Amino acid sequence: MEEFSHLPSKHYHALRNDIRSGDILLCSGTSVFSSLIQTATRSIWSHVAFILRIDAIDRIMVLESVESIGVRTVPLSNYVRDYNGSGKGYAGRLLIARHQDVRPENIANLSRFAIDLLGFPYRAEEIAHIATRISKYALGLPSEPIDKTTTRSFICSEYAYACFKSIGALIDYNSIGFIAPSDFAHSAKVKPISYLENDATPLTYVDERQSA
């Protein structure tokens, strides 16, 4: 399971100004489905999302598809300080990376495509499909990849894949037959930038609203 041991690890406030729209957020989670993805792909990465800066209101937003909610957007500061209202940072590793084919002139189209999918459901049945593909892979049986650019429900990597594909920034499917967070990490076109350190200490809402 790969880790980018050479990368720096920075606090949010130190990395904030260097983060760009279209940057990738890779996460290493601890849920049952996260463990399934990590085991199948032999990778620590179990979740992928991407970032949209909204400088007019001084916010850096994460666009993602998450279990039980679907496609949503939350401030990146919530990941490091108050994940899902827990009062502490995300329970796992966070990595900022950058796709070389995401360019400033493409951000408006990427944003429109991504935002038009807000509220679409999480593709819960895909968990069973992925488990089937993993079993076929273990038995040496073929499994055809499915293009998710026209679907109306997504797991996290399908959502990110569809959004990036909309502007011609491609990620290859893996040999198991589905797009996974690790495929973003492994892509030759994706450059890891820095680990993002969590703040695991409890917060007040006053603190959280500062430099969001």
N, C-alpha and C. Protein backbone atom coordinates (compact mmCIF):
# COMPACT_ATOMS: atom_id res chain seq x y z
N MET A 1 0.85 -1.19 0.00
CA MET A 1 0.00 0.00 0.00
C MET A 1 0.89 1.25 0.00
N GLU A 2 0.69 2.08 -1.04
CA GLU A 2 1.63 3.17 -1.25
C GLU A 2 1.34 4.37 -0.35
N GLU A 3 2.40 4.99 0.08
CA GLU A 3 2.33 6.30 0.69
C GLU A 3 3.43 7.13 0.05
N PHE A 4 3.19 8.42 -0.05
CA PHE A 4 4.19 9.30 -0.64
C PHE A 4 5.04 9.87 0.50
N SER A 5 6.03 9.08 0.91
CA SER A 5 6.80 9.40 2.11
C SER A 5 7.66 10.64 1.94
N HIS A 6 7.92 11.03 0.69
CA HIS A 6 8.78 12.18 0.44
C HIS A 6 8.04 13.50 0.56
N LEU A 7 6.72 13.46 0.65
CA LEU A 7 5.94 14.70 0.62
C LEU A 7 5.97 15.42 1.97
N PRO A 8 5.84 16.75 1.93
CA PRO A 8 5.68 17.49 3.19
C PRO A 8 4.29 17.26 3.76
N SER A 9 4.12 17.58 5.01
CA SER A 9 2.83 17.54 5.68
C SER A 9 2.60 18.92 6.29
N LYS A 10 1.54 19.59 5.85
CA LYS A 10 1.32 20.98 6.24
C LYS A 10 -0.04 21.17 6.88
N HIS A 11 -0.10 22.14 7.77
CA HIS A 11 -1.38 22.55 8.33
C HIS A 11 -2.17 23.32 7.28
N TYR A 12 -3.48 23.33 7.46
CA TYR A 12 -4.38 23.99 6.50
C TYR A 12 -3.97 25.43 6.24
N HIS A 13 -3.70 26.20 7.29
CA HIS A 13 -3.40 27.62 7.10
C HIS A 13 -2.11 27.82 6.30
N ALA A 14 -1.18 26.86 6.39
CA ALA A 14 0.09 26.98 5.66
C ALA A 14 -0.06 26.60 4.19
N LEU A 15 -1.02 25.73 3.88
CA LEU A 15 -1.21 25.23 2.52
C LEU A 15 -2.31 25.97 1.77
N ARG A 16 -3.15 26.67 2.50
CA ARG A 16 -4.38 27.23 1.94
C ARG A 16 -4.16 28.07 0.69
N ASN A 17 -3.19 28.95 0.70
CA ASN A 17 -2.99 29.85 -0.44
C ASN A 17 -2.46 29.14 -1.68
N ASP A 18 -1.91 27.95 -1.51
CA ASP A 18 -1.35 27.21 -2.64
C ASP A 18 -2.35 26.25 -3.29
N ILE A 19 -3.50 26.06 -2.65
CA ILE A 19 -4.51 25.14 -3.18
C ILE A 19 -5.26 25.81 -4.32
N ARG A 20 -5.45 25.06 -5.42
CA ARG A 20 -6.11 25.59 -6.61
C ARG A 20 -7.46 24.90 -6.86
N SER A 21 -8.33 25.58 -7.56
CA SER A 21 -9.54 24.91 -8.06
C SER A 21 -9.14 23.76 -8.95
N GLY A 22 -9.82 22.63 -8.78
CA GLY A 22 -9.51 21.44 -9.56
C GLY A 22 -8.52 20.52 -8.88
N ASP A 23 -7.89 20.95 -7.79
CA ASP A 23 -6.99 20.06 -7.05
C ASP A 23 -7.77 18.87 -6.50
N ILE A 24 -7.09 17.76 -6.36
CA ILE A 24 -7.69 16.52 -5.90
C ILE A 24 -7.44 16.35 -4.41
N LEU A 25 -8.46 15.88 -3.70
CA LEU A 25 -8.33 15.52 -2.28
C LEU A 25 -8.46 14.01 -2.17
N LEU A 26 -7.40 13.34 -1.73
CA LEU A 26 -7.41 11.91 -1.49
C LEU A 26 -7.47 11.65 0.01
N CYS A 27 -8.30 10.68 0.41
CA CYS A 27 -8.52 10.42 1.83
C CYS A 27 -8.35 8.93 2.12
N SER A 28 -7.85 8.65 3.31
CA SER A 28 -7.70 7.28 3.78
C SER A 28 -8.65 7.07 4.96
N GLY A 29 -9.79 6.41 4.69
CA GLY A 29 -10.83 6.28 5.71
C GLY A 29 -10.76 4.98 6.49
N THR A 30 -11.73 4.79 7.39
CA THR A 30 -11.73 3.65 8.29
C THR A 30 -13.04 2.87 8.29
N SER A 31 -13.99 3.20 7.39
CA SER A 31 -15.28 2.51 7.37
C SER A 31 -15.12 1.13 6.75
N VAL A 32 -16.19 0.33 6.81
CA VAL A 32 -16.17 -1.02 6.23
C VAL A 32 -15.94 -0.93 4.73
N PHE A 33 -16.67 -0.04 4.05
CA PHE A 33 -16.50 0.10 2.61
C PHE A 33 -15.11 0.63 2.28
N SER A 34 -14.59 1.55 3.12
CA SER A 34 -13.23 2.04 2.92
C SER A 34 -12.24 0.89 2.97
N SER A 35 -12.41 0.00 3.94
CA SER A 35 -11.51 -1.15 4.07
C SER A 35 -11.60 -2.07 2.87
N LEU A 36 -12.82 -2.24 2.32
CA LEU A 36 -13.01 -3.07 1.13
C LEU A 36 -12.23 -2.49 -0.04
N ILE A 37 -12.35 -1.19 -0.27
CA ILE A 37 -11.66 -0.52 -1.36
C ILE A 37 -10.14 -0.60 -1.15
N GLN A 38 -9.70 -0.35 0.06
CA GLN A 38 -8.26 -0.38 0.36
C GLN A 38 -7.67 -1.77 0.12
N THR A 39 -8.39 -2.80 0.55
CA THR A 39 -7.90 -4.16 0.38
C THR A 39 -7.88 -4.56 -1.10
N ALA A 40 -8.95 -4.24 -1.81
CA ALA A 40 -9.06 -4.63 -3.22
C ALA A 40 -8.01 -3.94 -4.08
N THR A 41 -7.72 -2.69 -3.77
CA THR A 41 -6.80 -1.91 -4.61
C THR A 41 -5.38 -1.87 -4.05
N ARG A 42 -5.19 -2.49 -2.90
CA ARG A 42 -3.87 -2.50 -2.24
C ARG A 42 -3.34 -1.07 -2.08
N SER A 43 -4.19 -0.24 -1.58
CA SER A 43 -3.89 1.18 -1.45
C SER A 43 -4.47 1.70 -0.15
N ILE A 44 -3.85 2.72 0.40
CA ILE A 44 -4.41 3.34 1.61
C ILE A 44 -5.59 4.25 1.27
N TRP A 45 -5.76 4.60 -0.01
CA TRP A 45 -6.75 5.62 -0.38
C TRP A 45 -8.13 5.01 -0.59
N SER A 46 -9.12 5.56 0.10
CA SER A 46 -10.47 5.02 0.05
C SER A 46 -11.51 6.04 -0.39
N HIS A 47 -11.12 7.30 -0.52
CA HIS A 47 -12.07 8.34 -0.91
C HIS A 47 -11.34 9.38 -1.75
N VAL A 48 -12.04 9.93 -2.74
CA VAL A 48 -11.46 10.98 -3.57
C VAL A 48 -12.52 12.05 -3.82
N ALA A 49 -12.07 13.29 -3.81
CA ALA A 49 -12.93 14.43 -4.08
C ALA A 49 -12.07 15.47 -4.79
N PHE A 50 -12.66 16.61 -5.10
CA PHE A 50 -11.83 17.68 -5.66
C PHE A 50 -12.30 19.02 -5.14
N ILE A 51 -11.51 20.04 -5.42
CA ILE A 51 -11.62 21.32 -4.73
C ILE A 51 -12.04 22.43 -5.68
N LEU A 52 -12.86 23.33 -5.17
CA LEU A 52 -13.26 24.54 -5.89
C LEU A 52 -13.04 25.73 -4.98
N ARG A 53 -12.16 26.63 -5.38
CA ARG A 53 -11.97 27.88 -4.63
C ARG A 53 -13.06 28.87 -5.01
N ILE A 54 -13.66 29.50 -4.00
CA ILE A 54 -14.62 30.58 -4.25
C ILE A 54 -14.06 31.81 -3.54
N ASP A 55 -13.14 32.48 -4.20
CA ASP A 55 -12.41 33.57 -3.56
C ASP A 55 -13.30 34.76 -3.25
N ALA A 56 -14.41 34.90 -3.96
CA ALA A 56 -15.32 36.03 -3.72
C ALA A 56 -15.91 35.99 -2.31
N ILE A 57 -16.02 34.78 -1.74
CA ILE A 57 -16.52 34.66 -0.36
C ILE A 57 -15.46 34.04 0.55
N ASP A 58 -14.21 33.94 0.06
CA ASP A 58 -13.08 33.45 0.85
C ASP A 58 -13.34 32.05 1.40
N ARG A 59 -13.73 31.14 0.51
CA ARG A 59 -13.97 29.75 0.91
C ARG A 59 -13.31 28.81 -0.09
N ILE A 60 -12.83 27.68 0.43
CA ILE A 60 -12.32 26.58 -0.38
C ILE A 60 -13.24 25.40 -0.14
N MET A 61 -13.94 24.96 -1.19
CA MET A 61 -14.97 23.96 -1.05
C MET A 61 -14.49 22.61 -1.60
N VAL A 62 -14.98 21.55 -0.98
CA VAL A 62 -14.76 20.18 -1.45
C VAL A 62 -16.04 19.70 -2.12
N LEU A 63 -15.93 19.20 -3.35
CA LEU A 63 -17.06 18.59 -4.05
C LEU A 63 -16.83 17.09 -4.06
N GLU A 64 -17.85 16.32 -3.63
CA GLU A 64 -17.67 14.89 -3.40
C GLU A 64 -19.00 14.17 -3.39
N SER A 65 -18.93 12.85 -3.49
CA SER A 65 -20.09 11.99 -3.27
C SER A 65 -19.79 11.10 -2.07
N VAL A 66 -20.66 11.15 -1.07
CA VAL A 66 -20.42 10.41 0.17
C VAL A 66 -21.62 9.52 0.50
N GLU A 67 -21.34 8.43 1.21
CA GLU A 67 -22.37 7.48 1.59
C GLU A 67 -23.48 8.16 2.39
N SER A 68 -24.72 7.74 2.12
CA SER A 68 -25.96 8.18 2.78
C SER A 68 -26.36 9.61 2.43
N ILE A 69 -25.49 10.35 1.75
CA ILE A 69 -25.81 11.75 1.41
C ILE A 69 -25.86 11.94 -0.10
N GLY A 70 -24.86 11.45 -0.82
CA GLY A 70 -24.77 11.68 -2.25
C GLY A 70 -23.80 12.80 -2.56
N VAL A 71 -24.02 13.45 -3.69
CA VAL A 71 -23.11 14.51 -4.13
C VAL A 71 -23.38 15.78 -3.32
N ARG A 72 -22.32 16.30 -2.72
CA ARG A 72 -22.45 17.47 -1.86
C ARG A 72 -21.20 18.33 -1.96
N THR A 73 -21.26 19.49 -1.31
CA THR A 73 -20.07 20.32 -1.15
C THR A 73 -19.97 20.80 0.29
N VAL A 74 -18.75 20.77 0.84
CA VAL A 74 -18.48 21.24 2.20
C VAL A 74 -17.17 22.01 2.18
N PRO A 75 -16.96 22.93 3.13
CA PRO A 75 -15.66 23.62 3.20
C PRO A 75 -14.52 22.64 3.49
N LEU A 76 -13.40 22.84 2.84
CA LEU A 76 -12.23 22.02 3.13
C LEU A 76 -11.82 22.15 4.60
N SER A 77 -12.03 23.31 5.19
CA SER A 77 -11.68 23.50 6.60
C SER A 77 -12.44 22.52 7.51
N ASN A 78 -13.65 22.09 7.09
CA ASN A 78 -14.38 21.10 7.88
C ASN A 78 -13.63 19.78 7.95
N TYR A 79 -12.94 19.42 6.87
CA TYR A 79 -12.18 18.18 6.86
C TYR A 79 -11.07 18.18 7.90
N VAL A 80 -10.44 19.31 8.10
CA VAL A 80 -9.29 19.34 9.01
C VAL A 80 -9.65 19.76 10.42
N ARG A 81 -10.86 20.30 10.61
CA ARG A 81 -11.21 20.84 11.94
C ARG A 81 -12.52 20.32 12.51
N ASP A 82 -13.51 20.05 11.66
CA ASP A 82 -14.84 19.75 12.17
C ASP A 82 -15.58 18.85 11.19
N TYR A 83 -15.03 17.67 10.93
CA TYR A 83 -15.59 16.80 9.90
C TYR A 83 -16.96 16.28 10.31
N ASN A 84 -17.96 16.55 9.46
CA ASN A 84 -19.34 16.13 9.69
C ASN A 84 -19.86 16.53 11.07
N GLY A 85 -19.42 17.70 11.54
CA GLY A 85 -19.90 18.21 12.82
C GLY A 85 -19.35 17.51 14.04
N SER A 86 -18.26 16.76 13.87
CA SER A 86 -17.71 15.98 14.99
C SER A 86 -16.88 16.82 15.95
N GLY A 87 -16.51 18.04 15.56
CA GLY A 87 -15.66 18.88 16.38
C GLY A 87 -14.19 18.55 16.27
N LYS A 88 -13.83 17.63 15.36
CA LYS A 88 -12.43 17.30 15.14
C LYS A 88 -12.24 16.92 13.67
N GLY A 89 -10.99 16.82 13.27
CA GLY A 89 -10.68 16.56 11.88
C GLY A 89 -11.03 15.16 11.42
N TYR A 90 -10.98 14.97 10.11
CA TYR A 90 -11.24 13.68 9.47
C TYR A 90 -10.32 12.60 10.07
N ALA A 91 -10.91 11.44 10.35
CA ALA A 91 -10.16 10.35 10.98
C ALA A 91 -9.42 9.55 9.92
N GLY A 92 -8.34 10.10 9.42
CA GLY A 92 -7.55 9.42 8.39
C GLY A 92 -6.62 10.41 7.72
N ARG A 93 -5.82 9.93 6.78
CA ARG A 93 -4.86 10.77 6.09
C ARG A 93 -5.54 11.56 4.97
N LEU A 94 -5.03 12.76 4.73
CA LEU A 94 -5.53 13.63 3.66
C LEU A 94 -4.36 14.04 2.79
N LEU A 95 -4.56 14.01 1.48
CA LEU A 95 -3.51 14.37 0.53
C LEU A 95 -4.08 15.28 -0.54
N ILE A 96 -3.38 16.37 -0.82
CA ILE A 96 -3.72 17.25 -1.93
C ILE A 96 -2.86 16.86 -3.13
N ALA A 97 -3.49 16.69 -4.30
CA ALA A 97 -2.77 16.34 -5.53
C ALA A 97 -3.32 17.18 -6.67
N ARG A 98 -2.65 17.11 -7.82
CA ARG A 98 -3.02 18.00 -8.94
C ARG A 98 -2.91 17.25 -10.27
N HIS A 99 -3.98 17.30 -11.07
CA HIS A 99 -4.00 16.69 -12.41
C HIS A 99 -3.44 17.68 -13.41
N GLN A 100 -2.47 17.25 -14.20
CA GLN A 100 -1.77 18.18 -15.10
C GLN A 100 -2.66 18.71 -16.22
N ASP A 101 -3.79 18.05 -16.51
CA ASP A 101 -4.67 18.50 -17.58
C ASP A 101 -5.79 19.41 -17.09
N VAL A 102 -5.82 19.69 -15.81
CA VAL A 102 -6.79 20.67 -15.28
C VAL A 102 -6.15 22.04 -15.33
N ARG A 103 -6.66 22.89 -16.20
CA ARG A 103 -6.08 24.20 -16.43
C ARG A 103 -7.06 25.30 -16.04
N PRO A 104 -6.55 26.49 -15.75
CA PRO A 104 -7.43 27.59 -15.32
C PRO A 104 -8.60 27.84 -16.27
N GLU A 105 -8.34 27.72 -17.57
CA GLU A 105 -9.41 28.01 -18.53
C GLU A 105 -10.51 26.95 -18.54
N ASN A 106 -10.26 25.80 -17.89
CA ASN A 106 -11.26 24.73 -17.83
C ASN A 106 -12.09 24.74 -16.55
N ILE A 107 -11.70 25.56 -15.59
CA ILE A 107 -12.33 25.50 -14.27
C ILE A 107 -13.82 25.85 -14.32
N ALA A 108 -14.20 26.83 -15.13
CA ALA A 108 -15.62 27.21 -15.20
C ALA A 108 -16.46 26.03 -15.68
N ASN A 109 -16.01 25.34 -16.73
CA ASN A 109 -16.75 24.19 -17.24
C ASN A 109 -16.76 23.04 -16.24
N LEU A 110 -15.63 22.79 -15.59
CA LEU A 110 -15.57 21.76 -14.55
C LEU A 110 -16.54 22.08 -13.43
N SER A 111 -16.57 23.32 -13.00
CA SER A 111 -17.43 23.73 -11.89
C SER A 111 -18.90 23.59 -12.25
N ARG A 112 -19.27 24.01 -13.47
CA ARG A 112 -20.66 23.90 -13.88
C ARG A 112 -21.11 22.44 -13.91
N PHE A 113 -20.27 21.58 -14.49
CA PHE A 113 -20.62 20.16 -14.56
C PHE A 113 -20.78 19.59 -13.16
N ALA A 114 -19.83 19.88 -12.29
CA ALA A 114 -19.85 19.33 -10.93
C ALA A 114 -21.03 19.84 -10.12
N ILE A 115 -21.31 21.12 -10.21
CA ILE A 115 -22.39 21.72 -9.42
C ILE A 115 -23.76 21.26 -9.92
N ASP A 116 -23.89 21.02 -11.22
CA ASP A 116 -25.16 20.53 -11.75
C ASP A 116 -25.52 19.15 -11.20
N LEU A 117 -24.53 18.43 -10.66
CA LEU A 117 -24.78 17.09 -10.09
C LEU A 117 -25.01 17.12 -8.58
N LEU A 118 -24.94 18.28 -7.96
CA LEU A 118 -25.17 18.37 -6.52
C LEU A 118 -26.56 17.82 -6.18
N GLY A 119 -26.60 16.99 -5.15
CA GLY A 119 -27.86 16.39 -4.72
C GLY A 119 -28.13 15.04 -5.35
N PHE A 120 -27.36 14.64 -6.37
CA PHE A 120 -27.55 13.31 -6.95
C PHE A 120 -27.17 12.26 -5.90
N PRO A 121 -27.84 11.13 -5.88
CA PRO A 121 -27.61 10.16 -4.80
C PRO A 121 -26.29 9.43 -4.92
N TYR A 122 -25.84 8.94 -3.78
CA TYR A 122 -24.70 8.02 -3.72
C TYR A 122 -25.15 6.68 -4.29
N ARG A 123 -24.31 6.06 -5.08
CA ARG A 123 -24.68 4.81 -5.76
C ARG A 123 -24.43 3.63 -4.82
N ALA A 124 -25.35 3.42 -3.87
CA ALA A 124 -25.15 2.39 -2.85
C ALA A 124 -25.03 0.99 -3.45
N GLU A 125 -25.81 0.71 -4.51
CA GLU A 125 -25.75 -0.63 -5.11
C GLU A 125 -24.41 -0.92 -5.76
N GLU A 126 -23.63 0.13 -6.03
CA GLU A 126 -22.33 -0.08 -6.64
C GLU A 126 -21.38 -0.82 -5.70
N ILE A 127 -21.62 -0.73 -4.39
CA ILE A 127 -20.79 -1.46 -3.43
C ILE A 127 -20.85 -2.96 -3.73
N ALA A 128 -22.07 -3.48 -3.99
CA ALA A 128 -22.23 -4.89 -4.33
C ALA A 128 -21.57 -5.21 -5.67
N HIS A 129 -21.71 -4.29 -6.64
CA HIS A 129 -21.10 -4.51 -7.95
C HIS A 129 -19.58 -4.56 -7.83
N ILE A 130 -19.02 -3.68 -7.02
CA ILE A 130 -17.56 -3.66 -6.83
C ILE A 130 -17.10 -4.95 -6.16
N ALA A 131 -17.86 -5.40 -5.17
CA ALA A 131 -17.50 -6.66 -4.50
C ALA A 131 -17.50 -7.81 -5.49
N THR A 132 -18.47 -7.80 -6.43
CA THR A 132 -18.52 -8.84 -7.46
C THR A 132 -17.30 -8.76 -8.37
N ARG A 133 -16.93 -7.54 -8.77
CA ARG A 133 -15.77 -7.38 -9.63
C ARG A 133 -14.49 -7.83 -8.93
N ILE A 134 -14.39 -7.55 -7.63
CA ILE A 134 -13.21 -7.98 -6.87
C ILE A 134 -13.13 -9.49 -6.85
N SER A 135 -14.28 -10.16 -6.67
CA SER A 135 -14.30 -11.62 -6.65
C SER A 135 -13.91 -12.19 -8.01
N LYS A 136 -14.42 -11.59 -9.08
CA LYS A 136 -14.05 -12.04 -10.43
C LYS A 136 -12.56 -11.86 -10.67
N TYR A 137 -12.04 -10.74 -10.22
CA TYR A 137 -10.61 -10.47 -10.41
C TYR A 137 -9.78 -11.53 -9.69
N ALA A 138 -10.18 -11.89 -8.46
CA ALA A 138 -9.45 -12.89 -7.69
C ALA A 138 -9.47 -14.25 -8.37
N LEU A 139 -10.55 -14.52 -9.14
CA LEU A 139 -10.69 -15.80 -9.84
C LEU A 139 -10.12 -15.76 -11.25
N GLY A 140 -9.61 -14.61 -11.66
CA GLY A 140 -9.04 -14.48 -13.00
C GLY A 140 -10.08 -14.30 -14.08
N LEU A 141 -11.29 -13.88 -13.71
CA LEU A 141 -12.37 -13.68 -14.67
C LEU A 141 -12.42 -12.22 -15.12
N PRO A 142 -12.79 -11.97 -16.38
CA PRO A 142 -12.84 -10.58 -16.86
C PRO A 142 -14.01 -9.82 -16.28
N SER A 143 -13.86 -8.51 -16.17
CA SER A 143 -14.93 -7.64 -15.69
C SER A 143 -14.86 -6.35 -16.49
N GLU A 144 -15.94 -6.03 -17.19
CA GLU A 144 -15.94 -4.87 -18.07
C GLU A 144 -16.12 -3.59 -17.26
N PRO A 145 -15.32 -2.56 -17.55
CA PRO A 145 -15.53 -1.27 -16.92
C PRO A 145 -16.81 -0.61 -17.40
N ILE A 146 -17.40 0.19 -16.56
CA ILE A 146 -18.63 0.88 -16.91
C ILE A 146 -18.36 2.38 -16.91
N ASP A 147 -18.69 3.05 -18.01
CA ASP A 147 -18.49 4.49 -18.11
C ASP A 147 -19.58 5.20 -17.33
N LYS A 148 -19.18 5.98 -16.29
CA LYS A 148 -20.16 6.60 -15.40
C LYS A 148 -20.41 8.08 -15.73
N THR A 149 -20.11 8.51 -16.95
CA THR A 149 -20.31 9.92 -17.28
C THR A 149 -21.76 10.27 -17.53
N THR A 150 -22.65 9.26 -17.67
CA THR A 150 -24.06 9.54 -17.92
C THR A 150 -24.96 9.04 -16.80
N THR A 151 -24.40 8.45 -15.76
CA THR A 151 -25.22 7.92 -14.68
C THR A 151 -25.80 9.05 -13.82
N ARG A 152 -26.80 8.70 -13.02
CA ARG A 152 -27.43 9.69 -12.14
C ARG A 152 -27.18 9.38 -10.67
N SER A 153 -26.25 8.48 -10.40
CA SER A 153 -25.83 8.19 -9.03
C SER A 153 -24.37 7.77 -9.07
N PHE A 154 -23.66 8.02 -7.96
CA PHE A 154 -22.22 7.91 -7.99
C PHE A 154 -21.66 7.42 -6.66
N ILE A 155 -20.56 6.64 -6.71
CA ILE A 155 -19.67 6.57 -5.57
C ILE A 155 -18.65 7.69 -5.78
N CYS A 156 -17.79 7.92 -4.80
CA CYS A 156 -16.93 9.10 -4.82
C CYS A 156 -16.05 9.18 -6.05
N SER A 157 -15.40 8.06 -6.40
CA SER A 157 -14.46 8.07 -7.52
C SER A 157 -15.17 8.21 -8.85
N GLU A 158 -16.40 7.69 -8.97
CA GLU A 158 -17.17 7.86 -10.19
C GLU A 158 -17.53 9.32 -10.41
N TYR A 159 -17.90 10.00 -9.33
CA TYR A 159 -18.24 11.42 -9.43
C TYR A 159 -17.03 12.24 -9.87
N ALA A 160 -15.89 12.03 -9.23
CA ALA A 160 -14.68 12.77 -9.59
C ALA A 160 -14.26 12.43 -11.02
N TYR A 161 -14.35 11.16 -11.38
CA TYR A 161 -13.99 10.72 -12.73
C TYR A 161 -14.85 11.42 -13.78
N ALA A 162 -16.16 11.43 -13.56
CA ALA A 162 -17.07 12.05 -14.52
C ALA A 162 -16.80 13.55 -14.65
N CYS A 163 -16.53 14.21 -13.53
CA CYS A 163 -16.27 15.65 -13.56
C CYS A 163 -14.99 15.96 -14.33
N PHE A 164 -13.94 15.23 -14.04
CA PHE A 164 -12.68 15.47 -14.74
C PHE A 164 -12.77 15.10 -16.22
N LYS A 165 -13.48 14.02 -16.52
CA LYS A 165 -13.63 13.63 -17.92
C LYS A 165 -14.38 14.69 -18.72
N SER A 166 -15.26 15.43 -18.06
CA SER A 166 -16.03 16.46 -18.76
C SER A 166 -15.15 17.55 -19.35
N ILE A 167 -13.91 17.70 -18.85
CA ILE A 167 -12.99 18.69 -19.40
C ILE A 167 -11.77 18.02 -20.03
N GLY A 168 -11.86 16.72 -20.26
CA GLY A 168 -10.78 16.02 -20.93
C GLY A 168 -9.61 15.64 -20.05
N ALA A 169 -9.77 15.71 -18.73
CA ALA A 169 -8.72 15.30 -17.78
C ALA A 169 -9.04 13.86 -17.37
N LEU A 170 -8.31 12.90 -17.94
CA LEU A 170 -8.69 11.50 -17.83
C LEU A 170 -7.92 10.77 -16.73
N ILE A 171 -8.60 9.78 -16.17
CA ILE A 171 -8.01 8.82 -15.22
C ILE A 171 -8.36 7.43 -15.75
N ASP A 172 -7.37 6.54 -15.82
CA ASP A 172 -7.61 5.19 -16.34
C ASP A 172 -8.29 4.31 -15.31
N TYR A 173 -9.25 3.48 -15.79
CA TYR A 173 -9.82 2.45 -14.94
C TYR A 173 -8.76 1.43 -14.56
N ASN A 174 -8.94 0.79 -13.40
CA ASN A 174 -7.97 -0.23 -12.98
C ASN A 174 -8.34 -1.60 -13.56
N SER A 175 -7.48 -2.58 -13.34
CA SER A 175 -7.67 -3.90 -13.92
C SER A 175 -8.83 -4.67 -13.31
N ILE A 176 -9.34 -4.20 -12.18
CA ILE A 176 -10.47 -4.88 -11.54
C ILE A 176 -11.78 -4.50 -12.21
N GLY A 177 -11.81 -3.39 -12.92
CA GLY A 177 -13.00 -3.01 -13.67
C GLY A 177 -13.84 -1.92 -13.05
N PHE A 178 -13.28 -1.15 -12.12
CA PHE A 178 -13.98 0.03 -11.62
C PHE A 178 -12.96 1.12 -11.36
N ILE A 179 -13.44 2.34 -11.29
CA ILE A 179 -12.56 3.47 -11.01
C ILE A 179 -12.49 3.63 -9.49
N ALA A 180 -11.30 3.72 -8.95
CA ALA A 180 -11.10 3.75 -7.50
C ALA A 180 -10.27 4.96 -7.12
N PRO A 181 -10.31 5.39 -5.86
CA PRO A 181 -9.47 6.50 -5.43
C PRO A 181 -7.99 6.29 -5.74
N SER A 182 -7.52 5.04 -5.62
CA SER A 182 -6.11 4.77 -5.88
C SER A 182 -5.73 5.03 -7.33
N ASP A 183 -6.70 4.94 -8.26
CA ASP A 183 -6.39 5.21 -9.66
C ASP A 183 -6.02 6.68 -9.88
N PHE A 184 -6.57 7.55 -9.05
CA PHE A 184 -6.18 8.96 -9.10
C PHE A 184 -4.75 9.11 -8.56
N ALA A 185 -4.46 8.41 -7.47
CA ALA A 185 -3.12 8.48 -6.87
C ALA A 185 -2.06 7.90 -7.78
N HIS A 186 -2.40 6.84 -8.54
CA HIS A 186 -1.43 6.16 -9.39
C HIS A 186 -1.24 6.82 -10.74
N SER A 187 -2.18 7.67 -11.15
CA SER A 187 -2.14 8.23 -12.50
C SER A 187 -0.84 9.01 -12.74
N ALA A 188 -0.26 8.78 -13.91
CA ALA A 188 0.96 9.51 -14.28
C ALA A 188 0.70 11.00 -14.46
N LYS A 189 -0.56 11.35 -14.65
CA LYS A 189 -0.91 12.75 -14.86
C LYS A 189 -1.26 13.47 -13.56
N VAL A 190 -1.23 12.76 -12.45
CA VAL A 190 -1.57 13.35 -11.15
C VAL A 190 -0.30 13.48 -10.31
N LYS A 191 -0.03 14.68 -9.86
CA LYS A 191 1.16 14.94 -9.04
C LYS A 191 0.73 15.20 -7.59
N PRO A 192 1.22 14.40 -6.63
CA PRO A 192 0.93 14.69 -5.22
C PRO A 192 1.63 15.98 -4.80
N ILE A 193 0.93 16.79 -4.02
CA ILE A 193 1.45 18.10 -3.61
C ILE A 193 1.89 18.09 -2.15
N SER A 194 0.98 17.73 -1.27
CA SER A 194 1.29 17.76 0.17
C SER A 194 0.24 17.01 0.95
N TYR A 195 0.65 16.41 2.06
CA TYR A 195 -0.32 15.93 3.02
C TYR A 195 -0.93 17.13 3.74
N LEU A 196 -2.18 16.98 4.13
CA LEU A 196 -2.89 18.03 4.85
C LEU A 196 -3.14 17.54 6.26
N GLU A 197 -2.57 18.22 7.23
CA GLU A 197 -2.67 17.77 8.62
C GLU A 197 -4.05 18.07 9.20
N ASN A 198 -4.54 17.12 10.00
CA ASN A 198 -5.82 17.29 10.68
C ASN A 198 -5.63 18.00 12.00
N ASP A 199 -6.69 18.65 12.46
CA ASP A 199 -6.72 19.19 13.81
C ASP A 199 -7.69 18.32 14.58
N ALA A 200 -7.18 17.45 15.43
CA ALA A 200 -8.02 16.48 16.13
C ALA A 200 -8.60 17.02 17.43
N THR A 201 -8.28 18.25 17.78
CA THR A 201 -8.78 18.80 19.03
C THR A 201 -10.16 19.40 18.85
N PRO A 202 -11.02 19.35 19.90
CA PRO A 202 -12.36 19.92 19.79
C PRO A 202 -12.30 21.41 19.46
N LEU A 203 -13.32 21.87 18.72
CA LEU A 203 -13.37 23.27 18.31
C LEU A 203 -14.67 23.91 18.77
N THR A 204 -14.65 25.23 18.88
CA THR A 204 -15.88 25.98 18.99
C THR A 204 -16.23 26.47 17.60
N TYR A 205 -17.47 26.83 17.40
CA TYR A 205 -17.88 27.30 16.09
C TYR A 205 -17.21 28.63 15.76
N VAL A 206 -16.87 29.42 16.76
CA VAL A 206 -16.16 30.67 16.51
C VAL A 206 -14.82 30.38 15.85
N ASP A 207 -14.08 29.40 16.38
CA ASP A 207 -12.79 29.03 15.80
C ASP A 207 -12.95 28.50 14.38
N GLU A 208 -13.96 27.70 14.16
CA GLU A 208 -14.14 27.07 12.86
C GLU A 208 -14.43 28.10 11.78
N ARG A 209 -15.07 29.17 12.11
CA ARG A 209 -15.42 30.15 11.10
C ARG A 209 -14.24 31.04 10.72
N GLN A 210 -13.17 30.99 11.46
CA GLN A 210 -11.99 31.79 11.14
C GLN A 210 -11.18 31.11 10.05
N SER A 211 -10.85 31.85 9.01
CA SER A 211 -10.03 31.36 7.89
C SER A 211 -10.57 30.06 7.34
N ALA A 212 -11.89 30.02 7.11
CA ALA A 212 -12.51 28.79 6.62
C ALA A 212 -12.01 28.45 5.23
